[in-house]
PDB file of all heavy atoms in Angstrom:
ATOM      1  N   ALA A   1       0.864  -1.185   0.000  1.00  0.00           N
ATOM      2  CA  ALA A   1       0.000   0.000   0.000  1.00  0.00           C
ATOM      3  C   ALA A   1       0.899   1.233   0.000  1.00  0.00           C
ATOM      4  O   ALA A   1       1.742   1.404   0.872  1.00  0.00           O
ATOM      5  CB  ALA A   1      -0.901   0.006   1.219  1.00  0.00           C
ATOM      6  N   THR A   2       0.719   2.060  -1.014  1.00  0.00           N
ATOM      7  CA  THR A   2       1.533   3.257  -1.159  1.00  0.00           C
ATOM      8  C   THR A   2       0.757   4.277  -1.969  1.00  0.00           C
ATOM      9  O   THR A   2      -0.347   3.994  -2.422  1.00  0.00           O
ATOM     10  CB  THR A   2       2.899   2.911  -1.823  1.00  0.00           C
ATOM     11  OG1 THR A   2       3.753   4.045  -1.763  1.00  0.00           O
ATOM     12  CG2 THR A   2       2.735   2.445  -3.246  1.00  0.00           C
ATOM     13  N   SER A   3       1.321   5.431  -2.148  1.00  0.00           N
ATOM     14  CA  SER A   3       0.671   6.433  -2.997  1.00  0.00           C
ATOM     15  C   SER A   3       1.277   6.363  -4.397  1.00  0.00           C
ATOM     16  O   SER A   3       2.374   5.842  -4.597  1.00  0.00           O
ATOM     17  CB  SER A   3       0.868   7.838  -2.424  1.00  0.00           C
ATOM     18  OG  SER A   3       2.226   8.228  -2.553  1.00  0.00           O
ATOM     19  N   TYR A   4       0.563   6.902  -5.353  1.00  0.00           N
ATOM     20  CA  TYR A   4       1.062   6.981  -6.727  1.00  0.00           C
ATOM     21  C   TYR A   4       2.407   7.705  -6.747  1.00  0.00           C
ATOM     22  O   TYR A   4       3.356   7.258  -7.380  1.00  0.00           O
ATOM     23  CB  TYR A   4       0.043   7.721  -7.594  1.00  0.00           C
ATOM     24  CG  TYR A   4       0.501   7.963  -9.014  1.00  0.00           C
ATOM     25  CD1 TYR A   4       0.190   7.056 -10.019  1.00  0.00           C
ATOM     26  CD2 TYR A   4       1.231   9.102  -9.355  1.00  0.00           C
ATOM     27  CE1 TYR A   4       0.588   7.273 -11.333  1.00  0.00           C
ATOM     28  CE2 TYR A   4       1.640   9.317 -10.663  1.00  0.00           C
ATOM     29  CZ  TYR A   4       1.321   8.407 -11.641  1.00  0.00           C
ATOM     30  OH  TYR A   4       1.729   8.627 -12.934  1.00  0.00           O
ATOM     31  N   ASP A   5       2.473   8.847  -6.049  1.00  0.00           N
ATOM     32  CA  ASP A   5       3.704   9.642  -6.057  1.00  0.00           C
ATOM     33  C   ASP A   5       4.883   8.882  -5.449  1.00  0.00           C
ATOM     34  O   ASP A   5       6.001   8.961  -5.954  1.00  0.00           O
ATOM     35  CB  ASP A   5       3.498  10.974  -5.342  1.00  0.00           C
ATOM     36  CG  ASP A   5       2.617  11.927  -6.142  1.00  0.00           C
ATOM     37  OD1 ASP A   5       2.595  11.823  -7.389  1.00  0.00           O
ATOM     38  OD2 ASP A   5       1.945  12.768  -5.521  1.00  0.00           O
ATOM     39  N   ASN A   6       4.646   8.133  -4.368  1.00  0.00           N
ATOM     40  CA  ASN A   6       5.724   7.339  -3.768  1.00  0.00           C
ATOM     41  C   ASN A   6       6.182   6.230  -4.711  1.00  0.00           C
ATOM     42  O   ASN A   6       7.382   5.959  -4.828  1.00  0.00           O
ATOM     43  CB  ASN A   6       5.302   6.741  -2.429  1.00  0.00           C
ATOM     44  CG  ASN A   6       5.233   7.772  -1.330  1.00  0.00           C
ATOM     45  OD1 ASN A   6       5.792   8.853  -1.434  1.00  0.00           O
ATOM     46  ND2 ASN A   6       4.524   7.443  -0.268  1.00  0.00           N
ATOM     47  N   LEU A   7       5.245   5.589  -5.381  1.00  0.00           N
ATOM     48  CA  LEU A   7       5.580   4.538  -6.342  1.00  0.00           C
ATOM     49  C   LEU A   7       6.396   5.129  -7.490  1.00  0.00           C
ATOM     50  O   LEU A   7       7.439   4.592  -7.870  1.00  0.00           O
ATOM     51  CB  LEU A   7       4.309   3.873  -6.873  1.00  0.00           C
ATOM     52  CG  LEU A   7       4.504   2.803  -7.949  1.00  0.00           C
ATOM     53  CD1 LEU A   7       5.371   1.654  -7.454  1.00  0.00           C
ATOM     54  CD2 LEU A   7       3.143   2.290  -8.411  1.00  0.00           C
ATOM     55  N   LEU A   8       5.939   6.255  -8.021  1.00  0.00           N
ATOM     56  CA  LEU A   8       6.659   6.911  -9.100  1.00  0.00           C
ATOM     57  C   LEU A   8       8.063   7.306  -8.653  1.00  0.00           C
ATOM     58  O   LEU A   8       9.051   7.049  -9.359  1.00  0.00           O
ATOM     59  CB  LEU A   8       5.888   8.144  -9.586  1.00  0.00           C
ATOM     60  CG  LEU A   8       6.550   8.962 -10.693  1.00  0.00           C
ATOM     61  CD1 LEU A   8       6.743   8.127 -11.955  1.00  0.00           C
ATOM     62  CD2 LEU A   8       5.727  10.210 -10.986  1.00  0.00           C
ATOM     63  N   ASP A   9       8.194   7.904  -7.469  1.00  0.00           N
ATOM     64  CA  ASP A   9       9.506   8.312  -6.959  1.00  0.00           C
ATOM     65  C   ASP A   9      10.447   7.122  -6.818  1.00  0.00           C
ATOM     66  O   ASP A   9      11.628   7.215  -7.154  1.00  0.00           O
ATOM     67  CB  ASP A   9       9.369   9.015  -5.607  1.00  0.00           C
ATOM     68  CG  ASP A   9       8.770  10.414  -5.733  1.00  0.00           C
ATOM     69  OD1 ASP A   9       8.756  10.978  -6.848  1.00  0.00           O
ATOM     70  OD2 ASP A   9       8.306  10.939  -4.702  1.00  0.00           O
ATOM     71  N   GLU A  10       9.938   6.019  -6.307  1.00  0.00           N
ATOM     72  CA  GLU A  10      10.754   4.808  -6.128  1.00  0.00           C
ATOM     73  C   GLU A  10      11.253   4.286  -7.481  1.00  0.00           C
ATOM     74  O   GLU A  10      12.422   3.931  -7.634  1.00  0.00           O
ATOM     75  CB  GLU A  10       9.940   3.745  -5.404  1.00  0.00           C
ATOM     76  CG  GLU A  10      10.713   2.531  -4.989  1.00  0.00           C
ATOM     77  CD  GLU A  10      11.625   2.749  -3.795  1.00  0.00           C
ATOM     78  OE1 GLU A  10      11.367   3.660  -2.985  1.00  0.00           O
ATOM     79  OE2 GLU A  10      12.623   2.010  -3.670  1.00  0.00           O
ATOM     80  N   ILE A  11      10.375   4.247  -8.461  1.00  0.00           N
ATOM     81  CA  ILE A  11      10.753   3.768  -9.794  1.00  0.00           C
ATOM     82  C   ILE A  11      11.759   4.717 -10.442  1.00  0.00           C
ATOM     83  O   ILE A  11      12.779   4.285 -10.994  1.00  0.00           O
ATOM     84  CB  ILE A  11       9.494   3.588 -10.674  1.00  0.00           C
ATOM     85  CG1 ILE A  11       8.684   2.394 -10.162  1.00  0.00           C
ATOM     86  CG2 ILE A  11       9.879   3.396 -12.140  1.00  0.00           C
ATOM     87  CD1 ILE A  11       7.312   2.249 -10.797  1.00  0.00           C
ATOM     88  N   VAL A  12      11.499   6.010 -10.358  1.00  0.00           N
ATOM     89  CA  VAL A  12      12.403   7.012 -10.952  1.00  0.00           C
ATOM     90  C   VAL A  12      13.797   6.904 -10.343  1.00  0.00           C
ATOM     91  O   VAL A  12      14.803   6.889 -11.065  1.00  0.00           O
ATOM     92  CB  VAL A  12      11.824   8.433 -10.775  1.00  0.00           C
ATOM     93  CG1 VAL A  12      12.878   9.503 -11.026  1.00  0.00           C
ATOM     94  CG2 VAL A  12      10.631   8.632 -11.696  1.00  0.00           C
ATOM     95  N   GLN A  13      13.854   6.799  -9.024  1.00  0.00           N
ATOM     96  CA  GLN A  13      15.155   6.739  -8.342  1.00  0.00           C
ATOM     97  C   GLN A  13      15.893   5.433  -8.659  1.00  0.00           C
ATOM     98  O   GLN A  13      17.068   5.447  -9.013  1.00  0.00           O
ATOM     99  CB  GLN A  13      14.958   6.879  -6.834  1.00  0.00           C
ATOM    100  CG  GLN A  13      16.258   6.867  -6.066  1.00  0.00           C
ATOM    101  CD  GLN A  13      16.040   7.043  -4.572  1.00  0.00           C
ATOM    102  OE1 GLN A  13      14.942   6.837  -4.056  1.00  0.00           O
ATOM    103  NE2 GLN A  13      17.080   7.424  -3.873  1.00  0.00           N
ATOM    104  N   LYS A  14      15.221   4.329  -8.549  1.00  0.00           N
ATOM    105  CA  LYS A  14      15.881   3.029  -8.746  1.00  0.00           C
ATOM    106  C   LYS A  14      16.360   2.827 -10.181  1.00  0.00           C
ATOM    107  O   LYS A  14      17.389   2.206 -10.405  1.00  0.00           O
ATOM    108  CB  LYS A  14      14.940   1.895  -8.352  1.00  0.00           C
ATOM    109  CG  LYS A  14      15.547   0.535  -8.656  1.00  0.00           C
ATOM    110  CD  LYS A  14      15.039  -0.562  -7.812  1.00  0.00           C
ATOM    111  CE  LYS A  14      15.742  -1.827  -8.255  1.00  0.00           C
ATOM    112  NZ  LYS A  14      16.041  -2.740  -7.277  1.00  0.00           N
ATOM    113  N   PHE A  15      15.631   3.355 -11.156  1.00  0.00           N
ATOM    114  CA  PHE A  15      15.949   3.089 -12.554  1.00  0.00           C
ATOM    115  C   PHE A  15      16.477   4.312 -13.312  1.00  0.00           C
ATOM    116  O   PHE A  15      16.478   4.331 -14.538  1.00  0.00           O
ATOM    117  CB  PHE A  15      14.724   2.496 -13.261  1.00  0.00           C
ATOM    118  CG  PHE A  15      14.289   1.200 -12.645  1.00  0.00           C
ATOM    119  CD1 PHE A  15      13.154   1.142 -11.851  1.00  0.00           C
ATOM    120  CD2 PHE A  15      15.028   0.038 -12.820  1.00  0.00           C
ATOM    121  CE1 PHE A  15      12.746  -0.049 -11.264  1.00  0.00           C
ATOM    122  CE2 PHE A  15      14.633  -1.163 -12.237  1.00  0.00           C
ATOM    123  CZ  PHE A  15      13.494  -1.205 -11.457  1.00  0.00           C
ATOM    124  N   SER A  16      16.922   5.336 -12.574  1.00  0.00           N
ATOM    125  CA  SER A  16      17.586   6.523 -13.159  1.00  0.00           C
ATOM    126  C   SER A  16      16.742   7.219 -14.220  1.00  0.00           C
ATOM    127  O   SER A  16      17.214   7.536 -15.316  1.00  0.00           O
ATOM    128  CB  SER A  16      18.954   6.126 -13.745  1.00  0.00           C
ATOM    129  OG  SER A  16      19.744   5.522 -12.767  1.00  0.00           O
ATOM    130  N   LEU A  17      15.500   7.494 -13.881  1.00  0.00           N
ATOM    131  CA  LEU A  17      14.587   8.134 -14.822  1.00  0.00           C
ATOM    132  C   LEU A  17      14.342   9.614 -14.499  1.00  0.00           C
ATOM    133  O   LEU A  17      13.383  10.213 -14.988  1.00  0.00           O
ATOM    134  CB  LEU A  17      13.251   7.378 -14.856  1.00  0.00           C
ATOM    135  CG  LEU A  17      13.340   5.920 -15.271  1.00  0.00           C
ATOM    136  CD1 LEU A  17      11.984   5.242 -15.162  1.00  0.00           C
ATOM    137  CD2 LEU A  17      13.902   5.780 -16.677  1.00  0.00           C
ATOM    138  N   GLU A  18      15.213  10.212 -13.699  1.00  0.00           N
ATOM    139  CA  GLU A  18      15.046  11.605 -13.297  1.00  0.00           C
ATOM    140  C   GLU A  18      14.843  12.566 -14.469  1.00  0.00           C
ATOM    141  O   GLU A  18      14.011  13.478 -14.373  1.00  0.00           O
ATOM    142  CB  GLU A  18      16.231  12.078 -12.441  1.00  0.00           C
ATOM    143  CG  GLU A  18      16.296  11.483 -11.059  1.00  0.00           C
ATOM    144  CD  GLU A  18      17.012  10.138 -11.002  1.00  0.00           C
ATOM    145  OE1 GLU A  18      17.454   9.608 -12.058  1.00  0.00           O
ATOM    146  OE2 GLU A  18      17.122   9.596  -9.888  1.00  0.00           O
ATOM    147  N   PRO A  19      15.566  12.399 -15.613  1.00  0.00           N
ATOM    148  CA  PRO A  19      15.397  13.365 -16.708  1.00  0.00           C
ATOM    149  C   PRO A  19      13.964  13.448 -17.262  1.00  0.00           C
ATOM    150  O   PRO A  19      13.597  14.470 -17.839  1.00  0.00           O
ATOM    151  CB  PRO A  19      16.359  12.859 -17.790  1.00  0.00           C
ATOM    152  CG  PRO A  19      17.393  12.079 -17.049  1.00  0.00           C
ATOM    153  CD  PRO A  19      16.651  11.450 -15.902  1.00  0.00           C
ATOM    154  N   ILE A  20      13.175  12.406 -17.090  1.00  0.00           N
ATOM    155  CA  ILE A  20      11.812  12.427 -17.642  1.00  0.00           C
ATOM    156  C   ILE A  20      10.739  12.257 -16.561  1.00  0.00           C
ATOM    157  O   ILE A  20       9.577  12.057 -16.866  1.00  0.00           O
ATOM    158  CB  ILE A  20      11.640  11.347 -18.745  1.00  0.00           C
ATOM    159  CG1 ILE A  20      11.927   9.945 -18.211  1.00  0.00           C
ATOM    160  CG2 ILE A  20      12.494  11.675 -19.952  1.00  0.00           C
ATOM    161  CD1 ILE A  20      11.604   8.821 -19.188  1.00  0.00           C
ATOM    162  N   ARG A  21      11.125  12.390 -15.313  1.00  0.00           N
ATOM    163  CA  ARG A  21      10.218  12.136 -14.192  1.00  0.00           C
ATOM    164  C   ARG A  21       8.893  12.894 -14.307  1.00  0.00           C
ATOM    165  O   ARG A  21       7.823  12.337 -14.110  1.00  0.00           O
ATOM    166  CB  ARG A  21      10.892  12.490 -12.863  1.00  0.00           C
ATOM    167  CG  ARG A  21      10.074  12.038 -11.660  1.00  0.00           C
ATOM    168  CD  ARG A  21       9.814  13.155 -10.686  1.00  0.00           C
ATOM    169  NE  ARG A  21       9.154  12.663  -9.491  1.00  0.00           N
ATOM    170  CZ  ARG A  21       7.833  12.616  -9.353  1.00  0.00           C
ATOM    171  NH1 ARG A  21       7.039  12.961 -10.329  1.00  0.00           N
ATOM    172  NH2 ARG A  21       7.287  12.188  -8.238  1.00  0.00           N
ATOM    173  N   ASP A  22       8.958  14.165 -14.646  1.00  0.00           N
ATOM    174  CA  ASP A  22       7.748  14.985 -14.659  1.00  0.00           C
ATOM    175  C   ASP A  22       6.815  14.682 -15.817  1.00  0.00           C
ATOM    176  O   ASP A  22       5.704  15.210 -15.872  1.00  0.00           O
ATOM    177  CB  ASP A  22       8.122  16.467 -14.684  1.00  0.00           C
ATOM    178  CG  ASP A  22       8.799  16.904 -13.387  1.00  0.00           C
ATOM    179  OD1 ASP A  22       8.604  16.231 -12.350  1.00  0.00           O
ATOM    180  OD2 ASP A  22       9.532  17.905 -13.412  1.00  0.00           O
ATOM    181  N   ASN A  23       7.257  13.839 -16.748  1.00  0.00           N
ATOM    182  CA  ASN A  23       6.440  13.518 -17.915  1.00  0.00           C
ATOM    183  C   ASN A  23       5.963  12.070 -17.944  1.00  0.00           C
ATOM    184  O   ASN A  23       5.338  11.653 -18.913  1.00  0.00           O
ATOM    185  CB  ASN A  23       7.231  13.802 -19.199  1.00  0.00           C
ATOM    186  CG  ASN A  23       7.596  15.260 -19.302  1.00  0.00           C
ATOM    187  OD1 ASN A  23       6.758  16.130 -19.118  1.00  0.00           O
ATOM    188  ND2 ASN A  23       8.857  15.541 -19.566  1.00  0.00           N
ATOM    189  N   LEU A  24       6.271  11.319 -16.907  1.00  0.00           N
ATOM    190  CA  LEU A  24       5.913   9.895 -16.899  1.00  0.00           C
ATOM    191  C   LEU A  24       4.480   9.666 -16.455  1.00  0.00           C
ATOM    192  O   LEU A  24       3.933  10.408 -15.635  1.00  0.00           O
ATOM    193  CB  LEU A  24       6.841   9.124 -15.953  1.00  0.00           C
ATOM    194  CG  LEU A  24       8.295   9.030 -16.378  1.00  0.00           C
ATOM    195  CD1 LEU A  24       9.119   8.357 -15.285  1.00  0.00           C
ATOM    196  CD2 LEU A  24       8.423   8.271 -17.685  1.00  0.00           C
ATOM    197  N   ILE A  25       3.906   8.609 -16.990  1.00  0.00           N
ATOM    198  CA  ILE A  25       2.589   8.120 -16.572  1.00  0.00           C
ATOM    199  C   ILE A  25       2.780   6.665 -16.160  1.00  0.00           C
ATOM    200  O   ILE A  25       3.525   5.921 -16.795  1.00  0.00           O
ATOM    201  CB  ILE A  25       1.585   8.195 -17.739  1.00  0.00           C
ATOM    202  CG1 ILE A  25       1.410   9.641 -18.196  1.00  0.00           C
ATOM    203  CG2 ILE A  25       0.249   7.569 -17.348  1.00  0.00           C
ATOM    204  CD1 ILE A  25       0.652   9.759 -19.496  1.00  0.00           C
ATOM    205  N   LEU A  26       2.105   6.260 -15.092  1.00  0.00           N
ATOM    206  CA  LEU A  26       2.136   4.857 -14.672  1.00  0.00           C
ATOM    207  C   LEU A  26       0.797   4.207 -14.961  1.00  0.00           C
ATOM    208  O   LEU A  26      -0.259   4.804 -14.744  1.00  0.00           O
ATOM    209  CB  LEU A  26       2.432   4.736 -13.170  1.00  0.00           C
ATOM    210  CG  LEU A  26       3.766   5.295 -12.683  1.00  0.00           C
ATOM    211  CD1 LEU A  26       3.889   5.074 -11.177  1.00  0.00           C
ATOM    212  CD2 LEU A  26       4.941   4.673 -13.417  1.00  0.00           C
ATOM    213  N   ALA A  27       0.865   2.986 -15.448  1.00  0.00           N
ATOM    214  CA  ALA A  27      -0.332   2.159 -15.607  1.00  0.00           C
ATOM    215  C   ALA A  27      -0.128   0.912 -14.751  1.00  0.00           C
ATOM    216  O   ALA A  27       0.912   0.259 -14.842  1.00  0.00           O
ATOM    217  CB  ALA A  27      -0.545   1.785 -17.058  1.00  0.00           C
ATOM    218  N   ILE A  28      -1.084   0.622 -13.913  1.00  0.00           N
ATOM    219  CA  ILE A  28      -0.993  -0.527 -13.014  1.00  0.00           C
ATOM    220  C   ILE A  28      -1.961  -1.587 -13.515  1.00  0.00           C
ATOM    221  O   ILE A  28      -3.169  -1.345 -13.594  1.00  0.00           O
ATOM    222  CB  ILE A  28      -1.312  -0.114 -11.566  1.00  0.00           C
ATOM    223  CG1 ILE A  28      -0.316   0.975 -11.129  1.00  0.00           C
ATOM    224  CG2 ILE A  28      -1.256  -1.318 -10.633  1.00  0.00           C
ATOM    225  CD1 ILE A  28      -0.692   1.695  -9.869  1.00  0.00           C
ATOM    226  N   ASN A  29      -1.405  -2.731 -13.894  1.00  0.00           N
ATOM    227  CA  ASN A  29      -2.206  -3.808 -14.477  1.00  0.00           C
ATOM    228  C   ASN A  29      -3.088  -3.294 -15.615  1.00  0.00           C
ATOM    229  O   ASN A  29      -4.281  -3.562 -15.675  1.00  0.00           O
ATOM    230  CB  ASN A  29      -3.032  -4.522 -13.404  1.00  0.00           C
ATOM    231  CG  ASN A  29      -2.148  -5.207 -12.399  1.00  0.00           C
ATOM    232  OD1 ASN A  29      -1.108  -5.765 -12.729  1.00  0.00           O
ATOM    233  ND2 ASN A  29      -2.544  -5.149 -11.136  1.00  0.00           N
ATOM    234  N   GLU A  30      -2.458  -2.538 -16.512  1.00  0.00           N
ATOM    235  CA  GLU A  30      -3.075  -2.021 -17.738  1.00  0.00           C
ATOM    236  C   GLU A  30      -4.148  -0.957 -17.515  1.00  0.00           C
ATOM    237  O   GLU A  30      -4.940  -0.667 -18.398  1.00  0.00           O
ATOM    238  CB  GLU A  30      -3.609  -3.163 -18.612  1.00  0.00           C
ATOM    239  CG  GLU A  30      -2.510  -4.132 -19.025  1.00  0.00           C
ATOM    240  CD  GLU A  30      -3.009  -5.257 -19.914  1.00  0.00           C
ATOM    241  OE1 GLU A  30      -4.196  -5.250 -20.308  1.00  0.00           O
ATOM    242  OE2 GLU A  30      -2.204  -6.147 -20.209  1.00  0.00           O
ATOM    243  N   GLU A  31      -4.167  -0.353 -16.321  1.00  0.00           N
ATOM    244  CA  GLU A  31      -5.094   0.750 -16.051  1.00  0.00           C
ATOM    245  C   GLU A  31      -4.285   1.957 -15.611  1.00  0.00           C
ATOM    246  O   GLU A  31      -3.489   1.870 -14.679  1.00  0.00           O
ATOM    247  CB  GLU A  31      -6.095   0.375 -14.956  1.00  0.00           C
ATOM    248  CG  GLU A  31      -7.107  -0.644 -15.417  1.00  0.00           C
ATOM    249  CD  GLU A  31      -8.241  -0.805 -14.419  1.00  0.00           C
ATOM    250  OE1 GLU A  31      -8.553   0.136 -13.666  1.00  0.00           O
ATOM    251  OE2 GLU A  31      -8.816  -1.896 -14.396  1.00  0.00           O
ATOM    252  N   TYR A  32      -4.505   3.076 -16.298  1.00  0.00           N
ATOM    253  CA  TYR A  32      -3.780   4.294 -15.935  1.00  0.00           C
ATOM    254  C   TYR A  32      -4.116   4.706 -14.512  1.00  0.00           C
ATOM    255  O   TYR A  32      -5.262   4.614 -14.073  1.00  0.00           O
ATOM    256  CB  TYR A  32      -4.116   5.440 -16.892  1.00  0.00           C
ATOM    257  CG  TYR A  32      -3.501   5.256 -18.252  1.00  0.00           C
ATOM    258  CD1 TYR A  32      -4.289   4.944 -19.343  1.00  0.00           C
ATOM    259  CD2 TYR A  32      -2.134   5.381 -18.439  1.00  0.00           C
ATOM    260  CE1 TYR A  32      -3.733   4.766 -20.596  1.00  0.00           C
ATOM    261  CE2 TYR A  32      -1.563   5.203 -19.683  1.00  0.00           C
ATOM    262  CZ  TYR A  32      -2.366   4.896 -20.759  1.00  0.00           C
ATOM    263  OH  TYR A  32      -1.809   4.711 -21.992  1.00  0.00           O
ATOM    264  N   ALA A  33      -3.083   5.172 -13.806  1.00  0.00           N
ATOM    265  CA  ALA A  33      -3.262   5.684 -12.452  1.00  0.00           C
ATOM    266  C   ALA A  33      -2.982   7.182 -12.475  1.00  0.00           C
ATOM    267  O   ALA A  33      -2.333   7.687 -13.384  1.00  0.00           O
ATOM    268  CB  ALA A  33      -2.303   4.971 -11.499  1.00  0.00           C
ATOM    269  N   THR A  34      -3.480   7.894 -11.471  1.00  0.00           N
ATOM    270  CA  THR A  34      -3.254   9.339 -11.379  1.00  0.00           C
ATOM    271  C   THR A  34      -2.544   9.656 -10.072  1.00  0.00           C
ATOM    272  O   THR A  34      -2.504   8.834  -9.153  1.00  0.00           O
ATOM    273  CB  THR A  34      -4.581  10.113 -11.430  1.00  0.00           C
ATOM    274  OG1 THR A  34      -5.351   9.772 -10.273  1.00  0.00           O
ATOM    275  CG2 THR A  34      -5.360   9.794 -12.696  1.00  0.00           C
ATOM    276  N   SER A  35      -2.017  10.873 -10.002  1.00  0.00           N
ATOM    277  CA  SER A  35      -1.256  11.256  -8.805  1.00  0.00           C
ATOM    278  C   SER A  35      -2.127  11.286  -7.553  1.00  0.00           C
ATOM    279  O   SER A  35      -1.607  11.265  -6.441  1.00  0.00           O
ATOM    280  CB  SER A  35      -0.568  12.605  -9.014  1.00  0.00           C
ATOM    281  OG  SER A  35      -1.518  13.601  -9.261  1.00  0.00           O
ATOM    282  N   GLU A  36      -3.433  11.312  -7.713  1.00  0.00           N
ATOM    283  CA  GLU A  36      -4.326  11.282  -6.545  1.00  0.00           C
ATOM    284  C   GLU A  36      -4.605   9.850  -6.077  1.00  0.00           C
ATOM    285  O   GLU A  36      -5.259   9.640  -5.061  1.00  0.00           O
ATOM    286  CB  GLU A  36      -5.666  11.946  -6.875  1.00  0.00           C
ATOM    287  CG  GLU A  36      -5.580  13.423  -7.195  1.00  0.00           C
ATOM    288  CD  GLU A  36      -5.190  13.690  -8.648  1.00  0.00           C
ATOM    289  OE1 GLU A  36      -5.593  12.924  -9.539  1.00  0.00           O
ATOM    290  OE2 GLU A  36      -4.463  14.668  -8.881  1.00  0.00           O
ATOM    291  N   SER A  37      -4.120   8.881  -6.823  1.00  0.00           N
ATOM    292  CA  SER A  37      -4.439   7.475  -6.544  1.00  0.00           C
ATOM    293  C   SER A  37      -3.715   6.935  -5.323  1.00  0.00           C
ATOM    294  O   SER A  37      -2.533   7.176  -5.134  1.00  0.00           O
ATOM    295  CB  SER A  37      -4.063   6.588  -7.731  1.00  0.00           C
ATOM    296  OG  SER A  37      -4.750   6.950  -8.887  1.00  0.00           O
ATOM    297  N   GLU A  38      -4.444   6.191  -4.511  1.00  0.00           N
ATOM    298  CA  GLU A  38      -3.846   5.353  -3.486  1.00  0.00           C
ATOM    299  C   GLU A  38      -3.652   4.003  -4.161  1.00  0.00           C
ATOM    300  O   GLU A  38      -4.557   3.492  -4.794  1.00  0.00           O
ATOM    301  CB  GLU A  38      -4.766   5.229  -2.269  1.00  0.00           C
ATOM    302  CG  GLU A  38      -4.160   4.503  -1.096  1.00  0.00           C
ATOM    303  CD  GLU A  38      -2.985   5.224  -0.457  1.00  0.00           C
ATOM    304  OE1 GLU A  38      -2.904   6.468  -0.524  1.00  0.00           O
ATOM    305  OE2 GLU A  38      -2.132   4.534   0.108  1.00  0.00           O
ATOM    306  N   VAL A  39      -2.464   3.458  -4.055  1.00  0.00           N
ATOM    307  CA  VAL A  39      -2.121   2.258  -4.806  1.00  0.00           C
ATOM    308  C   VAL A  39      -2.039   1.058  -3.866  1.00  0.00           C
ATOM    309  O   VAL A  39      -1.368   1.123  -2.839  1.00  0.00           O
ATOM    310  CB  VAL A  39      -0.772   2.458  -5.534  1.00  0.00           C
ATOM    311  CG1 VAL A  39      -0.378   1.217  -6.291  1.00  0.00           C
ATOM    312  CG2 VAL A  39      -0.847   3.663  -6.461  1.00  0.00           C
TER     313      VAL A  39
END
């Protein structure tokens, strides 16, 4: 259980995606998630 923003931050940090962080979208099990989402 985490927030969308925490999940995004973890992925960006672990996989060196900082240059495109502000433009990324996450889809969880083929469904788009939003920054307001509790994951």
